[in-house]
Amino acid sequence: MITVDPHRCPQNHPCPMVKRCPHAAITQQGYLAPAISREHCASCGVCVQSCPYKAFVNLGEM
């Protein structure tokens, strides 16, 4: 399961992972930390690998 660590996310710009997610599982309201839809997320890890702030965390890897 992938989650967002809001302490790592700067929350001051549109999150590029919203468009990068191949399953359209990431949404963002304004500049708040992005949210992941459990229904759509396939835990593919694209966001985990791509986020420069390491805000997306695969809980299976903790």
N, C-alpha and C. Protein backbone atom coordinates (compact mmCIF):
# COMPACT_ATOMS: atom_id res chain seq x y z
N MET A 1 0.85 -1.17 0.00
CA MET A 1 0.00 0.00 0.00
C MET A 1 0.90 1.24 0.00
N ILE A 2 0.55 2.19 -0.83
CA ILE A 2 1.30 3.44 -0.94
C ILE A 2 0.52 4.55 -0.25
N THR A 3 1.25 5.40 0.46
CA THR A 3 0.64 6.52 1.15
C THR A 3 1.49 7.77 0.93
N VAL A 4 0.96 8.91 1.33
CA VAL A 4 1.69 10.18 1.21
C VAL A 4 2.08 10.65 2.60
N ASP A 5 3.35 11.00 2.75
CA ASP A 5 3.83 11.58 4.00
C ASP A 5 3.73 13.09 3.86
N PRO A 6 2.73 13.72 4.48
CA PRO A 6 2.53 15.17 4.31
C PRO A 6 3.70 16.01 4.84
N HIS A 7 4.53 15.44 5.70
CA HIS A 7 5.68 16.17 6.23
C HIS A 7 6.80 16.28 5.19
N ARG A 8 6.80 15.40 4.21
CA ARG A 8 7.82 15.45 3.15
C ARG A 8 7.34 16.26 1.95
N CYS A 9 6.04 16.42 1.82
CA CYS A 9 5.46 17.15 0.68
C CYS A 9 5.47 18.65 0.98
N PRO A 10 6.05 19.47 0.10
CA PRO A 10 6.10 20.91 0.37
C PRO A 10 4.74 21.59 0.32
N GLN A 11 3.77 21.00 -0.37
CA GLN A 11 2.41 21.53 -0.46
C GLN A 11 2.39 22.99 -0.90
N ASN A 12 3.20 23.31 -1.91
CA ASN A 12 3.23 24.68 -2.41
C ASN A 12 3.16 24.75 -3.93
N HIS A 13 2.76 23.66 -4.56
CA HIS A 13 2.68 23.61 -6.03
C HIS A 13 1.78 22.44 -6.45
N PRO A 14 1.34 22.43 -7.70
CA PRO A 14 0.58 21.27 -8.19
C PRO A 14 1.49 20.04 -8.21
N CYS A 15 1.03 18.96 -7.64
CA CYS A 15 1.83 17.74 -7.58
C CYS A 15 1.93 17.10 -8.97
N PRO A 16 3.14 16.92 -9.49
CA PRO A 16 3.30 16.32 -10.81
C PRO A 16 2.91 14.84 -10.85
N MET A 17 2.81 14.20 -9.70
CA MET A 17 2.44 12.78 -9.67
C MET A 17 0.97 12.57 -10.05
N VAL A 18 0.15 13.62 -9.92
CA VAL A 18 -1.26 13.51 -10.31
C VAL A 18 -1.35 13.10 -11.78
N LYS A 19 -0.54 13.73 -12.63
CA LYS A 19 -0.56 13.40 -14.06
C LYS A 19 0.30 12.19 -14.38
N ARG A 20 1.28 11.91 -13.56
CA ARG A 20 2.21 10.81 -13.83
C ARG A 20 1.64 9.43 -13.49
N CYS A 21 0.70 9.36 -12.57
CA CYS A 21 0.13 8.08 -12.14
C CYS A 21 -0.59 7.40 -13.31
N PRO A 22 -0.16 6.19 -13.71
CA PRO A 22 -0.79 5.51 -14.84
C PRO A 22 -2.20 4.98 -14.54
N HIS A 23 -2.60 5.01 -13.27
CA HIS A 23 -3.91 4.49 -12.88
C HIS A 23 -4.87 5.59 -12.44
N ALA A 24 -4.46 6.85 -12.60
CA ALA A 24 -5.27 8.01 -12.19
C ALA A 24 -5.75 7.87 -10.75
N ALA A 25 -4.85 7.41 -9.89
CA ALA A 25 -5.20 7.17 -8.49
C ALA A 25 -4.85 8.33 -7.57
N ILE A 26 -4.18 9.36 -8.09
CA ILE A 26 -3.72 10.46 -7.25
C ILE A 26 -4.50 11.73 -7.60
N THR A 27 -5.03 12.37 -6.57
CA THR A 27 -5.74 13.64 -6.73
C THR A 27 -5.13 14.65 -5.76
N GLN A 28 -5.42 15.92 -6.03
CA GLN A 28 -4.92 16.97 -5.16
C GLN A 28 -5.91 18.12 -5.14
N GLN A 29 -6.21 18.61 -3.96
CA GLN A 29 -7.08 19.77 -3.79
C GLN A 29 -6.19 20.99 -3.56
N GLY A 30 -6.22 21.91 -4.50
CA GLY A 30 -5.35 23.09 -4.38
C GLY A 30 -3.91 22.65 -4.31
N TYR A 31 -3.19 23.16 -3.30
CA TYR A 31 -1.79 22.78 -3.11
C TYR A 31 -1.62 21.87 -1.90
N LEU A 32 -2.71 21.30 -1.41
CA LEU A 32 -2.60 20.39 -0.27
C LEU A 32 -1.85 19.13 -0.68
N ALA A 33 -1.45 18.34 0.30
CA ALA A 33 -0.78 17.07 0.01
C ALA A 33 -1.73 16.21 -0.83
N PRO A 34 -1.20 15.51 -1.82
CA PRO A 34 -2.05 14.68 -2.67
C PRO A 34 -2.67 13.52 -1.89
N ALA A 35 -3.75 13.01 -2.44
CA ALA A 35 -4.45 11.86 -1.85
C ALA A 35 -4.41 10.71 -2.85
N ILE A 36 -4.36 9.49 -2.33
CA ILE A 36 -4.31 8.30 -3.17
C ILE A 36 -5.60 7.52 -3.01
N SER A 37 -6.23 7.20 -4.12
CA SER A 37 -7.45 6.40 -4.11
C SER A 37 -7.07 4.93 -3.97
N ARG A 38 -7.47 4.31 -2.87
CA ARG A 38 -7.20 2.89 -2.66
C ARG A 38 -7.89 2.04 -3.73
N GLU A 39 -9.01 2.53 -4.22
CA GLU A 39 -9.77 1.81 -5.25
C GLU A 39 -9.01 1.74 -6.57
N HIS A 40 -8.28 2.80 -6.91
CA HIS A 40 -7.59 2.85 -8.20
C HIS A 40 -6.10 2.53 -8.14
N CYS A 41 -5.49 2.66 -6.97
CA CYS A 41 -4.05 2.45 -6.84
C CYS A 41 -3.70 0.97 -7.02
N ALA A 42 -2.75 0.71 -7.90
CA ALA A 42 -2.28 -0.66 -8.16
C ALA A 42 -0.93 -0.91 -7.47
N SER A 43 -0.48 0.03 -6.66
CA SER A 43 0.82 -0.07 -5.97
C SER A 43 1.96 -0.34 -6.94
N CYS A 44 1.89 0.30 -8.11
CA CYS A 44 2.92 0.09 -9.14
C CYS A 44 4.24 0.75 -8.77
N GLY A 45 4.19 1.79 -7.93
CA GLY A 45 5.41 2.44 -7.46
C GLY A 45 5.92 3.58 -8.32
N VAL A 46 5.20 3.96 -9.36
CA VAL A 46 5.65 5.07 -10.21
C VAL A 46 5.82 6.34 -9.37
N CYS A 47 4.87 6.62 -8.51
CA CYS A 47 4.94 7.82 -7.68
C CYS A 47 6.08 7.73 -6.67
N VAL A 48 6.28 6.56 -6.10
CA VAL A 48 7.35 6.36 -5.12
C VAL A 48 8.70 6.62 -5.77
N GLN A 49 8.88 6.12 -6.98
CA GLN A 49 10.15 6.28 -7.70
C GLN A 49 10.35 7.70 -8.23
N SER A 50 9.25 8.39 -8.55
CA SER A 50 9.33 9.67 -9.26
C SER A 50 9.30 10.92 -8.39
N CYS A 51 8.72 10.85 -7.22
CA CYS A 51 8.58 12.05 -6.39
C CYS A 51 9.95 12.52 -5.89
N PRO A 52 10.35 13.74 -6.26
CA PRO A 52 11.67 14.23 -5.83
C PRO A 52 11.76 14.49 -4.32
N TYR A 53 10.61 14.59 -3.65
CA TYR A 53 10.60 14.84 -2.21
C TYR A 53 10.46 13.56 -1.40
N LYS A 54 10.32 12.43 -2.08
CA LYS A 54 10.13 11.13 -1.41
C LYS A 54 8.90 11.16 -0.50
N ALA A 55 7.87 11.90 -0.94
CA ALA A 55 6.65 12.02 -0.15
C ALA A 55 5.74 10.80 -0.29
N PHE A 56 5.91 10.05 -1.36
CA PHE A 56 5.11 8.84 -1.56
C PHE A 56 5.89 7.66 -1.00
N VAL A 57 5.26 6.92 -0.11
CA VAL A 57 5.94 5.85 0.61
C VAL A 57 5.18 4.54 0.43
N ASN A 58 5.91 3.50 0.04
CA ASN A 58 5.31 2.17 -0.06
C ASN A 58 5.41 1.53 1.32
N LEU A 59 4.28 1.38 2.00
CA LEU A 59 4.29 0.85 3.36
C LEU A 59 4.77 -0.60 3.41
N GLY A 60 4.72 -1.29 2.28
CA GLY A 60 5.24 -2.65 2.22
C GLY A 60 6.75 -2.69 2.29
N GLU A 61 7.40 -1.55 2.10
CA GLU A 61 8.86 -1.47 2.12
C GLU A 61 9.38 -0.93 3.44
N MET A 62 8.52 -0.63 4.38
CA MET A 62 8.97 -0.06 5.66
C MET A 62 9.43 -1.15 6.60
